[in-house]
N, C-alpha and C. Protein backbone atom coordinates (compact mmCIF):
# COMPACT_ATOMS: atom_id res chain seq x y z
N UNK A 1 0.85 -1.16 0.00
CA UNK A 1 0.00 0.00 0.00
C UNK A 1 0.90 1.24 0.00
N UNK A 2 0.44 2.27 -0.68
CA UNK A 2 1.16 3.54 -0.71
C UNK A 2 0.52 4.49 0.29
N UNK A 3 1.33 5.04 1.19
CA UNK A 3 0.87 6.00 2.18
C UNK A 3 1.45 7.36 1.84
N UNK A 4 0.61 8.37 1.73
CA UNK A 4 1.04 9.74 1.49
C UNK A 4 0.79 10.52 2.78
N UNK A 5 1.86 10.99 3.40
CA UNK A 5 1.79 11.49 4.77
C UNK A 5 1.61 13.01 4.80
N UNK A 6 0.60 13.47 5.52
CA UNK A 6 0.34 14.89 5.70
C UNK A 6 1.36 15.49 6.69
N UNK A 7 1.46 16.80 6.69
CA UNK A 7 2.51 17.51 7.45
C UNK A 7 2.51 17.16 8.93
N UNK A 8 1.36 17.24 9.58
CA UNK A 8 1.35 16.98 11.03
C UNK A 8 1.76 15.54 11.33
N UNK A 9 1.36 14.59 10.50
CA UNK A 9 1.71 13.19 10.73
C UNK A 9 3.21 12.97 10.56
N UNK A 10 3.82 13.64 9.59
CA UNK A 10 5.27 13.55 9.42
C UNK A 10 5.99 14.05 10.66
N UNK A 11 5.57 15.22 11.12
CA UNK A 11 6.23 15.82 12.28
C UNK A 11 6.03 14.98 13.54
N UNK A 12 4.84 14.42 13.71
CA UNK A 12 4.59 13.56 14.87
C UNK A 12 5.46 12.31 14.79
N UNK A 13 5.59 11.73 13.60
CA UNK A 13 6.44 10.54 13.44
C UNK A 13 7.89 10.87 13.80
N UNK A 14 8.39 11.95 13.22
CA UNK A 14 9.79 12.31 13.42
C UNK A 14 10.10 12.63 14.88
N UNK A 15 9.11 13.17 15.60
CA UNK A 15 9.30 13.52 17.01
C UNK A 15 8.91 12.37 17.94
N UNK A 16 8.49 11.24 17.36
CA UNK A 16 7.98 10.11 18.14
C UNK A 16 6.90 10.59 19.11
N UNK A 17 6.04 11.45 18.60
CA UNK A 17 4.97 12.05 19.39
C UNK A 17 3.82 11.05 19.56
N UNK A 18 3.38 10.82 20.80
CA UNK A 18 2.28 9.87 21.03
C UNK A 18 0.94 10.35 20.46
N UNK A 19 0.87 11.57 19.98
CA UNK A 19 -0.35 12.08 19.36
C UNK A 19 -0.70 11.27 18.11
N UNK A 20 0.32 10.74 17.41
CA UNK A 20 0.09 9.96 16.20
C UNK A 20 -0.66 8.67 16.58
N UNK A 21 -1.78 8.44 15.91
CA UNK A 21 -2.60 7.25 16.17
C UNK A 21 -1.79 5.97 15.96
N UNK A 22 -2.04 4.98 16.79
CA UNK A 22 -1.31 3.71 16.70
C UNK A 22 -1.48 3.04 15.34
N UNK A 23 -2.68 3.10 14.78
CA UNK A 23 -2.91 2.46 13.48
C UNK A 23 -2.07 3.13 12.39
N UNK A 24 -1.95 4.44 12.45
CA UNK A 24 -1.12 5.15 11.48
C UNK A 24 0.35 4.84 11.71
N UNK A 25 0.76 4.83 12.96
CA UNK A 25 2.15 4.53 13.30
C UNK A 25 2.53 3.12 12.80
N UNK A 26 1.65 2.17 13.01
CA UNK A 26 1.92 0.80 12.56
C UNK A 26 2.01 0.72 11.04
N UNK A 27 1.11 1.39 10.36
CA UNK A 27 1.13 1.38 8.89
C UNK A 27 2.39 2.04 8.35
N UNK A 28 2.81 3.13 8.98
CA UNK A 28 4.01 3.83 8.54
C UNK A 28 5.27 3.02 8.81
N UNK A 29 5.25 2.19 9.85
CA UNK A 29 6.40 1.37 10.21
C UNK A 29 6.46 0.06 9.42
N UNK A 30 5.37 -0.30 8.79
CA UNK A 30 5.28 -1.58 8.08
C UNK A 30 6.12 -1.53 6.81
N UNK A 31 7.16 -2.37 6.70
CA UNK A 31 8.03 -2.34 5.52
C UNK A 31 7.31 -2.74 4.23
N UNK A 32 6.13 -3.34 4.34
CA UNK A 32 5.35 -3.69 3.15
C UNK A 32 4.72 -2.47 2.51
N UNK A 33 4.64 -1.36 3.25
CA UNK A 33 4.03 -0.13 2.74
C UNK A 33 5.10 0.81 2.21
N UNK A 34 4.76 1.50 1.14
CA UNK A 34 5.62 2.57 0.62
C UNK A 34 5.14 3.87 1.25
N UNK A 35 6.00 4.52 2.01
CA UNK A 35 5.63 5.74 2.72
C UNK A 35 6.27 6.93 2.00
N UNK A 36 5.43 7.86 1.58
CA UNK A 36 5.88 9.02 0.80
C UNK A 36 5.48 10.32 1.48
N UNK A 37 6.37 11.30 1.35
CA UNK A 37 6.08 12.67 1.79
C UNK A 37 6.18 13.54 0.56
N UNK A 38 5.11 14.25 0.26
CA UNK A 38 5.09 15.10 -0.92
C UNK A 38 6.04 16.28 -0.76
N UNK A 39 6.64 16.70 -1.86
CA UNK A 39 7.43 17.93 -1.85
C UNK A 39 6.57 19.09 -1.38
N UNK A 40 5.27 19.03 -1.67
CA UNK A 40 4.36 20.08 -1.21
C UNK A 40 4.29 20.12 0.32
N UNK A 41 4.34 18.98 0.95
CA UNK A 41 4.31 18.91 2.41
C UNK A 41 5.58 19.49 3.01
N UNK A 42 6.71 19.17 2.40
CA UNK A 42 7.98 19.73 2.87
C UNK A 42 7.97 21.24 2.71
N UNK A 43 7.47 21.72 1.60
CA UNK A 43 7.36 23.15 1.34
C UNK A 43 6.47 23.81 2.40
N UNK A 44 5.31 23.19 2.68
CA UNK A 44 4.39 23.72 3.69
C UNK A 44 5.07 23.81 5.06
N UNK A 45 5.76 22.76 5.46
CA UNK A 45 6.44 22.75 6.76
C UNK A 45 7.48 23.85 6.82
N UNK A 46 8.27 24.00 5.76
CA UNK A 46 9.32 25.02 5.75
C UNK A 46 8.75 26.43 5.79
N UNK A 47 7.64 26.67 5.11
CA UNK A 47 6.98 27.98 5.17
C UNK A 47 6.51 28.26 6.59
N UNK A 48 5.86 27.29 7.20
CA UNK A 48 5.34 27.48 8.56
C UNK A 48 6.46 27.62 9.58
N UNK A 49 7.58 26.92 9.35
CA UNK A 49 8.73 27.08 10.23
C UNK A 49 9.26 28.51 10.13
N UNK A 50 9.39 29.02 8.91
CA UNK A 50 9.91 30.37 8.69
C UNK A 50 9.01 31.43 9.33
N UNK A 51 7.72 31.15 9.39
CA UNK A 51 6.77 32.08 10.01
C UNK A 51 6.70 31.91 11.53
N UNK A 52 7.43 30.94 12.05
CA UNK A 52 7.41 30.69 13.49
C UNK A 52 6.19 29.95 13.98
N UNK A 53 5.45 29.29 13.06
CA UNK A 53 4.22 28.59 13.43
C UNK A 53 4.44 27.16 13.90
N UNK A 54 5.63 26.61 13.63
CA UNK A 54 5.92 25.26 14.09
C UNK A 54 7.42 25.03 14.15
N UNK A 55 7.77 23.97 14.85
CA UNK A 55 9.16 23.54 14.93
C UNK A 55 9.30 22.27 14.10
N UNK A 56 10.40 22.18 13.38
CA UNK A 56 10.67 21.00 12.56
C UNK A 56 12.17 20.79 12.50
N UNK A 57 12.59 19.56 12.27
CA UNK A 57 14.03 19.31 12.18
C UNK A 57 14.64 20.08 11.01
N UNK A 58 15.88 20.51 11.16
CA UNK A 58 16.58 21.11 10.04
C UNK A 58 17.03 19.99 9.10
N UNK A 59 17.24 20.34 7.85
CA UNK A 59 17.60 19.31 6.87
C UNK A 59 16.47 18.32 6.70
N UNK A 60 15.26 18.83 6.57
CA UNK A 60 14.05 18.00 6.60
C UNK A 60 14.08 16.88 5.56
N UNK A 61 14.51 17.15 4.35
CA UNK A 61 14.55 16.09 3.33
C UNK A 61 15.43 14.94 3.78
N UNK A 62 16.60 15.25 4.30
CA UNK A 62 17.50 14.20 4.77
C UNK A 62 16.90 13.43 5.94
N UNK A 63 16.27 14.14 6.85
CA UNK A 63 15.65 13.50 8.02
C UNK A 63 14.53 12.55 7.57
N UNK A 64 13.74 13.01 6.61
CA UNK A 64 12.65 12.18 6.08
C UNK A 64 13.21 10.92 5.42
N UNK A 65 14.25 11.09 4.62
CA UNK A 65 14.83 9.93 3.95
C UNK A 65 15.49 8.98 4.95
N UNK A 66 16.12 9.52 5.99
CA UNK A 66 16.72 8.64 7.03
C UNK A 66 15.64 7.87 7.78
N UNK A 67 14.44 8.43 7.84
CA UNK A 67 13.32 7.74 8.49
C UNK A 67 12.79 6.60 7.60
N UNK A 68 13.31 6.52 6.39
CA UNK A 68 12.89 5.46 5.48
C UNK A 68 11.75 5.83 4.57
N UNK A 69 11.40 7.11 4.55
CA UNK A 69 10.30 7.58 3.71
C UNK A 69 10.86 8.14 2.41
N UNK A 70 10.08 8.05 1.34
CA UNK A 70 10.45 8.66 0.08
C UNK A 70 9.90 10.07 -0.03
N UNK A 71 10.56 10.89 -0.83
CA UNK A 71 10.05 12.23 -1.11
C UNK A 71 9.42 12.18 -2.50
N UNK A 72 8.16 12.57 -2.57
CA UNK A 72 7.39 12.53 -3.82
C UNK A 72 7.44 13.89 -4.51
N UNK A 73 8.07 13.96 -5.69
CA UNK A 73 8.11 15.24 -6.41
C UNK A 73 6.72 15.63 -6.91
N UNK A 74 6.56 16.88 -7.23
CA UNK A 74 5.32 17.38 -7.81
C UNK A 74 5.49 17.40 -9.33
N UNK A 75 4.62 16.70 -10.04
CA UNK A 75 4.69 16.69 -11.49
C UNK A 75 3.78 17.79 -12.05
N UNK A 76 3.98 18.09 -13.32
CA UNK A 76 3.10 19.05 -13.98
C UNK A 76 1.66 18.58 -13.97
N UNK A 77 1.46 17.28 -14.15
CA UNK A 77 0.10 16.72 -14.12
C UNK A 77 -0.51 16.87 -12.73
N UNK A 78 0.30 16.68 -11.67
CA UNK A 78 -0.19 16.90 -10.31
C UNK A 78 -0.68 18.34 -10.16
N UNK A 79 0.11 19.28 -10.68
CA UNK A 79 -0.24 20.69 -10.57
C UNK A 79 -1.54 21.00 -11.31
N UNK A 80 -1.68 20.45 -12.52
CA UNK A 80 -2.92 20.65 -13.27
C UNK A 80 -4.12 20.11 -12.51
N UNK A 81 -3.98 18.89 -12.02
CA UNK A 81 -5.11 18.25 -11.35
C UNK A 81 -5.45 18.91 -10.03
N UNK A 82 -4.44 19.33 -9.27
CA UNK A 82 -4.71 20.03 -8.02
C UNK A 82 -5.42 21.36 -8.29
N UNK A 83 -4.98 22.06 -9.33
CA UNK A 83 -5.61 23.34 -9.68
C UNK A 83 -7.03 23.19 -10.18
N UNK A 84 -7.36 22.03 -10.74
CA UNK A 84 -8.70 21.81 -11.28
C UNK A 84 -9.68 21.22 -10.27
N UNK A 85 -9.21 20.92 -9.06
CA UNK A 85 -10.11 20.36 -8.05
C UNK A 85 -11.19 21.37 -7.68
N UNK A 86 -12.39 20.88 -7.36
CA UNK A 86 -13.43 21.81 -6.91
C UNK A 86 -13.01 22.49 -5.60
N UNK A 87 -13.50 23.68 -5.38
CA UNK A 87 -13.09 24.49 -4.23
C UNK A 87 -13.67 24.06 -2.91
N UNK A 88 -13.59 22.78 -2.62
CA UNK A 88 -14.10 22.26 -1.34
C UNK A 88 -13.19 22.60 -0.18
N UNK A 89 -11.94 22.85 -0.50
CA UNK A 89 -10.93 23.12 0.53
C UNK A 89 -9.93 24.09 -0.07
N UNK A 90 -9.57 25.12 0.65
CA UNK A 90 -8.75 26.18 0.08
C UNK A 90 -7.24 25.99 0.27
N UNK A 91 -6.83 25.03 1.07
CA UNK A 91 -5.41 24.83 1.33
C UNK A 91 -4.74 24.20 0.11
N UNK A 92 -3.85 24.94 -0.56
CA UNK A 92 -3.23 24.40 -1.78
C UNK A 92 -2.34 23.19 -1.52
N UNK A 93 -1.76 23.09 -0.35
CA UNK A 93 -0.91 21.94 -0.04
C UNK A 93 -1.76 20.67 0.09
N UNK A 94 -2.89 20.78 0.75
CA UNK A 94 -3.78 19.63 0.89
C UNK A 94 -4.38 19.25 -0.45
N UNK A 95 -4.69 20.24 -1.28
CA UNK A 95 -5.22 19.94 -2.61
C UNK A 95 -4.19 19.19 -3.45
N UNK A 96 -2.92 19.52 -3.27
CA UNK A 96 -1.87 18.79 -3.98
C UNK A 96 -1.82 17.34 -3.51
N UNK A 97 -1.98 17.12 -2.20
CA UNK A 97 -2.00 15.75 -1.68
C UNK A 97 -3.16 14.96 -2.28
N UNK A 98 -4.30 15.61 -2.44
CA UNK A 98 -5.45 14.93 -3.06
C UNK A 98 -5.10 14.51 -4.48
N UNK A 99 -4.54 15.44 -5.26
CA UNK A 99 -4.18 15.13 -6.65
C UNK A 99 -3.16 13.99 -6.71
N UNK A 100 -2.15 14.05 -5.85
CA UNK A 100 -1.13 13.01 -5.86
C UNK A 100 -1.69 11.67 -5.37
N UNK A 101 -2.52 11.69 -4.35
CA UNK A 101 -3.12 10.45 -3.85
C UNK A 101 -3.98 9.79 -4.92
N UNK A 102 -4.71 10.60 -5.67
CA UNK A 102 -5.52 10.04 -6.75
C UNK A 102 -4.64 9.42 -7.83
N UNK A 103 -3.58 10.10 -8.20
CA UNK A 103 -2.69 9.59 -9.25
C UNK A 103 -2.04 8.27 -8.84
N UNK A 104 -1.64 8.18 -7.58
CA UNK A 104 -0.92 7.00 -7.10
C UNK A 104 -1.83 5.94 -6.48
N UNK A 105 -3.12 6.25 -6.35
CA UNK A 105 -4.05 5.40 -5.61
C UNK A 105 -3.51 5.18 -4.20
N UNK A 106 -3.11 6.27 -3.57
CA UNK A 106 -2.50 6.24 -2.24
C UNK A 106 -3.51 6.57 -1.16
N UNK A 107 -3.18 6.14 0.02
CA UNK A 107 -3.95 6.44 1.22
C UNK A 107 -3.28 7.64 1.89
N UNK A 108 -4.04 8.69 2.17
CA UNK A 108 -3.48 9.87 2.85
C UNK A 108 -3.53 9.62 4.35
N UNK A 109 -2.41 9.84 5.02
CA UNK A 109 -2.34 9.70 6.48
C UNK A 109 -2.47 11.11 7.05
N UNK A 110 -3.62 11.37 7.69
CA UNK A 110 -3.90 12.73 8.17
C UNK A 110 -5.02 12.70 9.19
N UNK A 111 -5.04 13.73 10.01
CA UNK A 111 -6.15 13.93 10.93
C UNK A 111 -7.11 14.99 10.38
N UNK A 112 -6.79 15.55 9.25
CA UNK A 112 -7.56 16.63 8.64
C UNK A 112 -8.81 16.07 7.94
N UNK A 113 -9.98 16.48 8.39
CA UNK A 113 -11.24 16.00 7.83
C UNK A 113 -11.55 16.58 6.45
N UNK A 114 -10.78 17.56 6.01
CA UNK A 114 -11.09 18.21 4.74
C UNK A 114 -10.79 17.35 3.52
N UNK A 115 -10.12 16.22 3.68
CA UNK A 115 -9.84 15.34 2.56
C UNK A 115 -11.06 14.52 2.15
N UNK A 116 -11.91 14.19 3.09
CA UNK A 116 -13.07 13.30 2.84
C UNK A 116 -13.95 13.76 1.69
N UNK A 117 -14.29 15.04 1.57
CA UNK A 117 -15.19 15.45 0.48
C UNK A 117 -14.60 15.19 -0.92
N UNK A 118 -13.30 14.99 -1.01
CA UNK A 118 -12.67 14.72 -2.31
C UNK A 118 -12.70 13.24 -2.68
N UNK A 119 -13.21 12.41 -1.78
CA UNK A 119 -13.34 10.99 -2.09
C UNK A 119 -12.04 10.20 -2.08
N UNK A 120 -11.01 10.73 -1.42
CA UNK A 120 -9.77 9.98 -1.28
C UNK A 120 -9.79 9.20 0.03
N UNK A 121 -9.07 8.11 0.05
CA UNK A 121 -9.01 7.31 1.27
C UNK A 121 -8.04 7.95 2.26
N UNK A 122 -8.46 7.98 3.53
CA UNK A 122 -7.66 8.60 4.58
C UNK A 122 -7.49 7.63 5.75
N UNK A 123 -6.26 7.52 6.20
CA UNK A 123 -5.95 6.77 7.42
C UNK A 123 -5.77 7.79 8.52
N UNK A 124 -6.61 7.73 9.56
CA UNK A 124 -6.51 8.76 10.61
C UNK A 124 -5.14 8.78 11.29
N UNK A 125 -4.57 9.96 11.35
CA UNK A 125 -3.28 10.14 12.00
C UNK A 125 -3.50 10.49 13.44
């Protein structure tokens, strides 16, 4: 199974934060699953870090890769599809995750309820 991890779930994993749901933690730790972090998620985290809205490890790409997760680039097709999504949710980073999850038939790992109206599968984080 392909797991596409939302920003808060990535940060909780990296910090070994007990806030992350056990079912999500188990799925992310399962070597049978491909765990991906979108470049959009890394961008979102870095923007929020720069604004002082959150703390995150420095060298985030390296930290993510050392955790055994892949970094998913944003393709032109992803950008087209994210831009064409109906305006059910205004967060461009989450809309990119929807487009990428649809392309990859991935499960989004998130606690954000805004993904459900787009009909993508979500594993509660």
